[in-house]
Protein backbone atom coordinates (compact mmCIF):
# COMPACT_ATOMS: atom_id res chain seq x y z
CA UNK A 1 158.32 71.68 84.88
CA UNK A 2 157.69 72.85 88.34
CA UNK A 3 158.67 76.31 87.43
CA UNK A 4 156.29 76.40 84.45
CA UNK A 5 153.53 75.21 86.71
CA UNK A 6 154.37 77.78 89.27
CA UNK A 7 154.49 80.64 86.65
CA UNK A 8 151.01 79.57 85.36
CA UNK A 9 149.37 79.79 88.76
CA UNK A 10 149.32 83.56 88.92
CA UNK A 11 147.78 83.87 85.66
CA UNK A 12 144.92 81.58 86.75
CA UNK A 13 144.53 83.54 90.00
CA UNK A 14 144.58 86.86 88.22
CA UNK A 15 141.41 85.91 86.49
CA UNK A 16 139.50 85.54 89.78
CA UNK A 17 138.42 88.06 92.35
CA UNK A 18 139.22 87.05 95.90
CA UNK A 19 136.18 87.46 98.21
CA UNK A 20 136.50 87.74 101.81
CA UNK A 21 134.30 85.57 104.12
CA UNK A 22 131.94 88.45 104.64
CA UNK A 23 131.22 88.84 100.95
CA UNK A 24 130.97 85.06 100.40
CA UNK A 25 128.28 85.07 103.27
CA UNK A 26 126.49 88.04 101.69
CA UNK A 27 126.54 86.22 98.36
CA UNK A 28 124.11 83.58 99.71
CA UNK A 29 120.43 84.26 98.62
CA UNK A 30 118.94 84.03 102.03
CA UNK A 31 121.21 86.14 104.00
CA UNK A 32 119.58 89.46 103.30
CA UNK A 33 116.16 87.99 104.18
CA UNK A 34 117.50 86.53 107.47
CA UNK A 35 118.98 89.95 108.51
CA UNK A 36 115.73 91.63 107.71
CA UNK A 37 113.77 88.85 109.63
CA UNK A 38 115.91 89.32 112.69
CA UNK A 39 115.53 93.12 112.68
CA UNK A 40 111.64 92.92 112.27
CA UNK A 41 111.48 90.30 115.05
CA UNK A 42 113.38 92.44 117.48
CA UNK A 43 111.39 95.41 116.54
CA UNK A 44 108.01 93.85 117.23
CA UNK A 45 109.47 92.50 120.48
CA UNK A 46 110.13 96.09 121.56
CA UNK A 47 106.88 97.71 120.38
CA UNK A 48 104.31 94.92 120.86
CA UNK A 49 104.22 93.32 124.25
CA UNK A 50 101.70 90.72 123.04
CA UNK A 51 104.22 89.56 120.47
CA UNK A 52 106.56 88.17 123.13
CA UNK A 53 104.39 85.11 124.13
CA UNK A 54 105.09 81.63 122.96
CA UNK A 55 101.43 81.39 121.72
CA UNK A 56 102.01 84.48 119.62
CA UNK A 57 105.20 82.94 118.00
CA UNK A 58 103.33 79.75 117.06
CA UNK A 59 100.46 81.83 115.70
CA UNK A 60 103.06 83.63 113.61
CA UNK A 61 104.39 80.35 112.33
CA UNK A 62 100.84 79.20 111.42
CA UNK A 63 100.19 82.40 109.52
CA UNK A 64 103.57 82.03 107.77
CA UNK A 65 102.79 78.35 106.88
CA UNK A 66 99.48 79.23 105.04
CA UNK A 67 101.48 81.33 102.53
CA UNK A 68 104.76 79.54 102.95
CA UNK A 69 103.59 76.11 101.72
CA UNK A 70 102.60 77.43 98.26
CA UNK A 71 105.44 79.86 98.26
CA UNK A 72 107.91 76.94 98.31
CA UNK A 73 106.62 75.74 94.91
CA UNK A 74 106.19 79.29 93.48
CA UNK A 75 109.92 79.88 94.60
CA UNK A 76 110.98 76.80 92.69
CA UNK A 77 109.07 77.91 89.67
CA UNK A 78 110.60 81.40 89.75
CA UNK A 79 114.11 79.86 90.12
CA UNK A 80 112.99 77.90 86.95
CA UNK A 81 112.46 81.15 85.26
CA UNK A 82 108.49 81.20 85.28
CA UNK A 83 105.58 82.80 87.12
CA UNK A 84 102.15 81.49 88.17
CA UNK A 85 99.61 84.19 88.78
CA UNK A 86 96.80 81.64 89.23
CA UNK A 87 98.41 80.12 92.30
CA UNK A 88 96.11 81.99 94.78
CA UNK A 89 92.89 81.04 93.17
CA UNK A 90 93.98 77.41 92.74
CA UNK A 91 93.93 77.18 96.51
CA UNK A 92 90.30 78.19 96.60
CA UNK A 93 89.41 76.16 93.48
CA UNK A 94 90.70 72.99 94.96
CA UNK A 95 88.79 73.40 98.23
CA UNK A 96 85.53 74.33 96.48
CA UNK A 97 85.92 71.44 93.98
CA UNK A 98 85.99 69.00 96.95
CA UNK A 99 83.21 70.63 98.89
CA UNK A 100 80.83 71.27 95.98
CA UNK A 101 81.41 67.98 94.13
CA UNK A 102 80.74 65.92 97.24
CA UNK A 103 77.70 67.97 98.44
CA UNK A 104 76.06 67.96 95.07
CA UNK A 105 76.56 64.18 94.48
CA UNK A 106 76.47 63.07 98.10
CA UNK A 107 79.71 61.15 98.09
CA UNK A 108 82.54 60.70 100.53
CA UNK A 109 84.79 63.77 101.02
CA UNK A 110 87.97 61.54 100.60
CA UNK A 111 86.80 60.65 97.02
CA UNK A 112 86.42 64.36 96.54
CA UNK A 113 89.84 65.30 97.74
CA UNK A 114 91.37 62.82 95.36
CA UNK A 115 89.44 64.12 92.39
CA UNK A 116 90.30 67.58 93.61
CA UNK A 117 94.04 66.66 93.42
CA UNK A 118 93.54 65.39 89.83
CA UNK A 119 91.82 68.62 88.98
CA UNK A 120 94.53 70.78 90.42
CA UNK A 121 97.27 68.88 88.74
CA UNK A 122 95.53 69.11 85.45
CA UNK A 123 95.45 72.94 85.82
CA UNK A 124 99.20 72.97 86.50
CA UNK A 125 99.77 70.73 83.48
CA UNK A 126 97.79 72.87 81.15
CA UNK A 127 99.46 75.99 82.42
CA UNK A 128 103.01 74.52 81.81
CA UNK A 129 102.06 72.91 78.57
CA UNK A 130 100.55 76.03 77.08
CA UNK A 131 103.63 78.16 78.18
CA UNK A 132 106.07 75.68 76.56
CA UNK A 133 104.23 74.95 73.48
CA UNK A 134 102.99 78.48 72.57
CA UNK A 135 106.01 80.52 73.69
CA UNK A 136 103.51 82.90 75.32
CA UNK A 137 105.18 84.28 78.61
CA UNK A 138 103.87 82.45 81.72
CA UNK A 139 102.65 85.78 83.15
CA UNK A 140 100.02 86.10 80.40
CA UNK A 141 99.02 82.29 80.41
CA UNK A 142 98.56 82.13 84.15
CA UNK A 143 96.82 85.52 84.27
CA UNK A 144 94.23 83.98 81.84
CA UNK A 145 94.01 80.96 84.22
CA UNK A 146 93.53 83.28 87.20
CA UNK A 147 90.57 84.96 85.58
CA UNK A 148 89.05 81.69 84.31
CA UNK A 149 89.30 80.02 87.79
CA UNK A 150 88.09 83.12 89.58
CA UNK A 151 84.95 83.17 87.37
CA UNK A 152 84.29 79.52 87.69
CA UNK A 153 84.68 79.55 91.44
CA UNK A 154 81.94 82.33 91.83
CA UNK A 155 79.66 81.01 89.06
CA UNK A 156 79.61 77.29 89.99
CA UNK A 157 79.35 77.99 93.75
CA UNK A 158 76.35 80.25 93.19
CA UNK A 159 74.80 77.67 90.82
CA UNK A 160 75.16 74.80 93.16
CA UNK A 161 74.37 76.47 96.47
CA UNK A 162 72.64 79.69 95.63
CA UNK A 163 75.15 81.57 97.57
CA UNK A 164 78.93 82.65 97.13
CA UNK A 165 80.13 80.19 99.79
CA UNK A 166 80.52 76.44 99.90
CA UNK A 167 78.10 74.49 102.28
CA UNK A 168 79.28 73.51 105.75
CA UNK A 169 80.90 70.07 105.29
CA UNK A 170 81.40 69.16 108.98
CA UNK A 171 78.66 66.52 108.88
CA UNK A 172 79.64 64.82 105.63
CA UNK A 173 81.40 61.37 105.41
CA UNK A 174 85.18 61.53 105.52
CA UNK A 175 85.35 64.86 107.21
CA UNK A 176 86.86 63.61 110.48
CA UNK A 177 89.81 61.79 108.83
CA UNK A 178 90.57 64.63 106.31
CA UNK A 179 90.41 67.26 109.06
CA UNK A 180 92.89 65.31 111.20
CA UNK A 181 95.33 65.04 108.24
CA UNK A 182 95.09 68.54 106.79
CA UNK A 183 93.82 70.73 109.60
CA UNK A 184 94.79 68.94 112.83
CA UNK A 185 96.74 70.40 115.64
CA UNK A 186 98.41 69.45 118.87
CA UNK A 187 99.46 70.99 122.17
CA UNK A 188 103.01 71.54 123.34
CA UNK A 189 103.28 73.04 126.77
CA UNK A 190 99.90 74.60 126.43
CA UNK A 191 100.54 76.20 123.06
CA UNK A 192 98.63 75.04 119.99
CA UNK A 193 100.71 73.92 117.02
CA UNK A 194 99.07 73.44 113.74
CA UNK A 195 99.90 70.47 111.45
CA UNK A 196 100.40 73.03 108.55
CA UNK A 197 103.54 74.30 110.28
CA UNK A 198 105.05 70.81 110.43
CA UNK A 199 104.00 70.29 106.77
CA UNK A 200 105.56 73.64 105.74
CA UNK A 201 108.87 72.81 107.32
CA UNK A 202 108.90 69.45 105.65
CA UNK A 203 108.13 70.85 102.23
CA UNK A 204 110.95 73.53 102.69
CA UNK A 205 113.34 70.71 103.71
CA UNK A 206 112.32 68.61 100.61
CA UNK A 207 112.69 71.57 98.21
CA UNK A 208 116.09 72.45 99.67
CA UNK A 209 117.26 68.86 99.31
CA UNK A 210 116.01 68.73 95.71
CA UNK A 211 117.70 72.04 94.75
CA UNK A 212 121.04 71.26 96.48
CA UNK A 213 121.45 67.54 96.20
CA UNK A 214 119.76 66.21 93.12
CA UNK A 215 120.07 66.41 89.39
CA UNK A 216 116.52 67.81 89.17
CA UNK A 217 117.74 70.76 91.27
CA UNK A 218 120.54 71.37 88.88
CA UNK A 219 118.14 71.14 86.01
CA UNK A 220 115.85 73.83 87.70
CA UNK A 221 118.68 76.33 88.07
CA UNK A 222 119.84 75.49 84.48
CA UNK A 223 116.39 76.10 82.87
CA UNK A 224 116.01 79.34 84.85
CA UNK A 225 119.44 80.65 84.06
CA UNK A 226 119.39 79.86 80.25
CA UNK A 227 116.77 77.47 78.88
CA UNK A 228 118.48 77.32 75.52
CA UNK A 229 121.88 76.44 76.90
CA UNK A 230 120.22 73.97 79.32
CA UNK A 231 118.48 72.29 76.33
CA UNK A 232 121.62 72.01 74.41
CA UNK A 233 123.38 69.91 77.07
CA UNK A 234 120.45 67.56 77.32
CA UNK A 235 118.22 69.10 80.10
CA UNK A 236 114.55 68.13 79.44
CA UNK A 237 113.39 71.73 79.71
CA UNK A 238 109.74 71.06 78.84
CA UNK A 239 109.31 68.38 81.35
CA UNK A 240 111.13 70.28 84.21
CA UNK A 241 108.98 73.47 83.67
CA UNK A 242 105.68 71.61 83.32
CA UNK A 243 106.56 69.67 86.48
CA UNK A 244 107.27 72.92 88.30
CA UNK A 245 103.75 74.33 87.36
CA UNK A 246 102.17 71.04 88.55
CA UNK A 247 104.12 71.37 91.84
CA UNK A 248 102.57 74.80 92.35
CA UNK A 249 99.11 73.31 91.72
CA UNK A 250 99.85 70.36 94.19
CA UNK A 251 100.89 72.63 97.05
CA UNK A 252 97.90 74.96 96.19
CA UNK A 253 95.62 71.89 96.47
CA UNK A 254 97.26 70.97 99.81
CA UNK A 255 96.55 74.44 101.28
CA UNK A 256 93.08 74.32 99.75
CA UNK A 257 92.39 71.11 101.67
CA UNK A 258 93.77 72.70 104.97
CA UNK A 259 91.59 75.77 104.52
CA UNK A 260 88.44 73.83 103.76
CA UNK A 261 88.86 71.45 106.68
CA UNK A 262 90.12 74.23 109.02
CA UNK A 263 86.97 76.26 108.55
CA UNK A 264 84.51 73.84 107.13
CA UNK A 265 83.45 76.20 104.37
CA UNK A 266 84.93 78.43 101.79
CA UNK A 267 84.21 81.85 100.25
CA UNK A 268 84.23 81.54 96.46
CA UNK A 269 86.18 84.87 96.22
CA UNK A 270 89.03 83.82 98.54
CA UNK A 271 92.55 83.56 97.30
CA UNK A 272 92.61 86.60 95.01
CA UNK A 273 95.75 88.52 95.64
CA UNK A 274 97.56 85.73 97.52
CA UNK A 275 99.66 84.99 94.25
CA UNK A 276 101.49 88.31 94.94
CA UNK A 277 102.17 87.24 98.53
CA UNK A 278 103.86 83.99 97.31
CA UNK A 279 105.96 85.93 94.86
CA UNK A 280 106.91 88.57 97.37
CA UNK A 281 107.87 85.72 99.88
CA UNK A 282 110.15 84.28 97.20
CA UNK A 283 111.65 87.65 96.12
CA UNK A 284 112.22 88.79 99.68
CA UNK A 285 113.97 85.52 100.35
CA UNK A 286 116.45 86.20 97.60
CA UNK A 287 114.94 84.70 94.47
CA UNK A 288 115.65 86.67 91.37
CA UNK A 289 112.68 87.59 89.18
CA UNK A 290 114.91 86.74 86.17
CA UNK A 291 115.26 83.10 87.34
CA UNK A 292 118.20 80.86 87.99
CA UNK A 293 119.05 82.10 91.52
CA UNK A 294 117.55 81.56 94.97
CA UNK A 295 116.91 78.73 97.34
CA UNK A 296 114.23 77.22 99.49
CA UNK A 297 115.46 78.53 102.87
CA UNK A 298 115.18 82.01 101.58
CA UNK A 299 111.60 81.53 100.41
CA UNK A 300 110.77 80.16 104.00
CA UNK A 301 112.29 83.20 105.59
CA UNK A 302 110.29 85.47 103.31
CA UNK A 303 107.15 83.72 104.35
CA UNK A 304 108.18 84.05 108.07
CA UNK A 305 108.59 87.76 107.51
CA UNK A 306 105.06 87.85 106.14
CA UNK A 307 103.72 86.19 109.11
CA UNK A 308 105.59 88.33 111.60
CA UNK A 309 104.56 91.58 109.91
CA UNK A 310 100.89 90.72 109.33
CA UNK A 311 100.41 89.76 113.01
CA UNK A 312 103.04 92.15 114.55
CA UNK A 313 101.08 95.12 113.26
CA UNK A 314 97.82 93.79 114.85
CA UNK A 315 99.62 92.98 118.16
CA UNK A 316 101.09 96.59 118.09
CA UNK A 317 97.56 97.92 117.79
CA UNK A 318 98.30 99.66 114.52
CA UNK A 319 95.99 100.08 111.49
CA UNK A 320 96.28 96.75 109.49
CA UNK A 321 96.14 98.74 106.25
CA UNK A 322 99.86 99.51 106.71
CA UNK A 323 100.71 95.92 106.13
CA UNK A 324 100.25 96.37 102.30
CA UNK A 325 102.52 99.53 102.38
CA UNK A 326 105.17 97.40 104.31
CA UNK A 327 104.92 94.61 101.56
CA UNK A 328 105.56 97.14 98.84
CA UNK A 329 108.61 98.60 100.54
CA UNK A 330 109.92 95.13 101.30
CA UNK A 331 109.58 94.16 97.71
CA UNK A 332 111.42 97.21 96.40
CA UNK A 333 114.26 96.76 98.90
CA UNK A 334 114.42 92.99 98.20
CA UNK A 335 114.90 93.46 94.43
CA UNK A 336 117.65 95.98 95.11
CA UNK A 337 119.43 93.64 97.69
CA UNK A 338 118.99 90.63 95.37
CA UNK A 339 120.73 92.43 92.45
CA UNK A 340 123.55 93.27 94.83
CA UNK A 341 123.78 89.71 96.13
CA UNK A 342 123.74 88.38 92.43
CA UNK A 343 126.66 90.46 91.58
CA UNK A 344 128.66 89.20 94.65
CA UNK A 345 127.82 85.54 93.72
CA UNK A 346 129.34 86.05 90.22
CA UNK A 347 132.19 88.26 91.25
CA UNK A 348 134.71 85.46 91.46
CA UNK A 349 135.25 85.48 87.64
CA UNK A 350 136.12 88.43 85.63
CA UNK A 351 135.37 88.44 81.94
């Protein structure tokens, strides 16, 4: 019996590819982004003296958090196999809804914030429901939502205020409490730290825990990898995907509240183009466009790269227009790296 067991072991081993520790490390989604982030960080330390101060570092973290919070949910949605091109304008829609509703009716901003949350979640639910019930790709459904929300933002704002910006809300009831929650800050050794950075790290930690430690996380990977197979083994595909769209809307609302109470007013045309920044952060962080692969830490690193680059170019005194070119290069390189990482992660089994 022991000989038979021994003889069967090589056959089992022969069906697997032995990966060294370096390949196992490279097979993690976030490693490529971490290496890129380290290289970019060192580069700007060398070329931009202003980049070296603690204040600059926390400014970079703040810049990264404004993209990174929504990017967390967008990353989860992409792991689940879907896209949301309306994520950028949802941020502006949420803030405008709060400001204009309360301004027009003269009610407390806290009531407006709650109603804005309901409105945002409804948008996410509609996006997810239409994708799942019609079979139309999420790219097209949310592209339609993008144009609808963009038009409504501009049209309603001009109708209510006669301009393309919301009124200044700093004197309205509830402003102080909401500003402290969504747009507060505190000092550490003379450096300003915005609450949004803490919220960003908390959302990343929560998303990482969900993906790695919960059944819901397994479901998200399953529906992104193969929705039909996931459904066959009892995964509630429709509920999971609708929930992911609503998560994008929730974090879009959260950033919308931050932006509104940080600046007291909003331009109705803001947010257009940010949906691509969220997607780029996720892809640079190791999330595959095809779904089923990625993690929250990688998305956070992708957002940090965005913050470093957008401000590093300014600190170095270069033309900010180069930032968009950099994003394009990073996106192409990230896709190539992600494909290689995906091959490494599946190399243990042959056939």
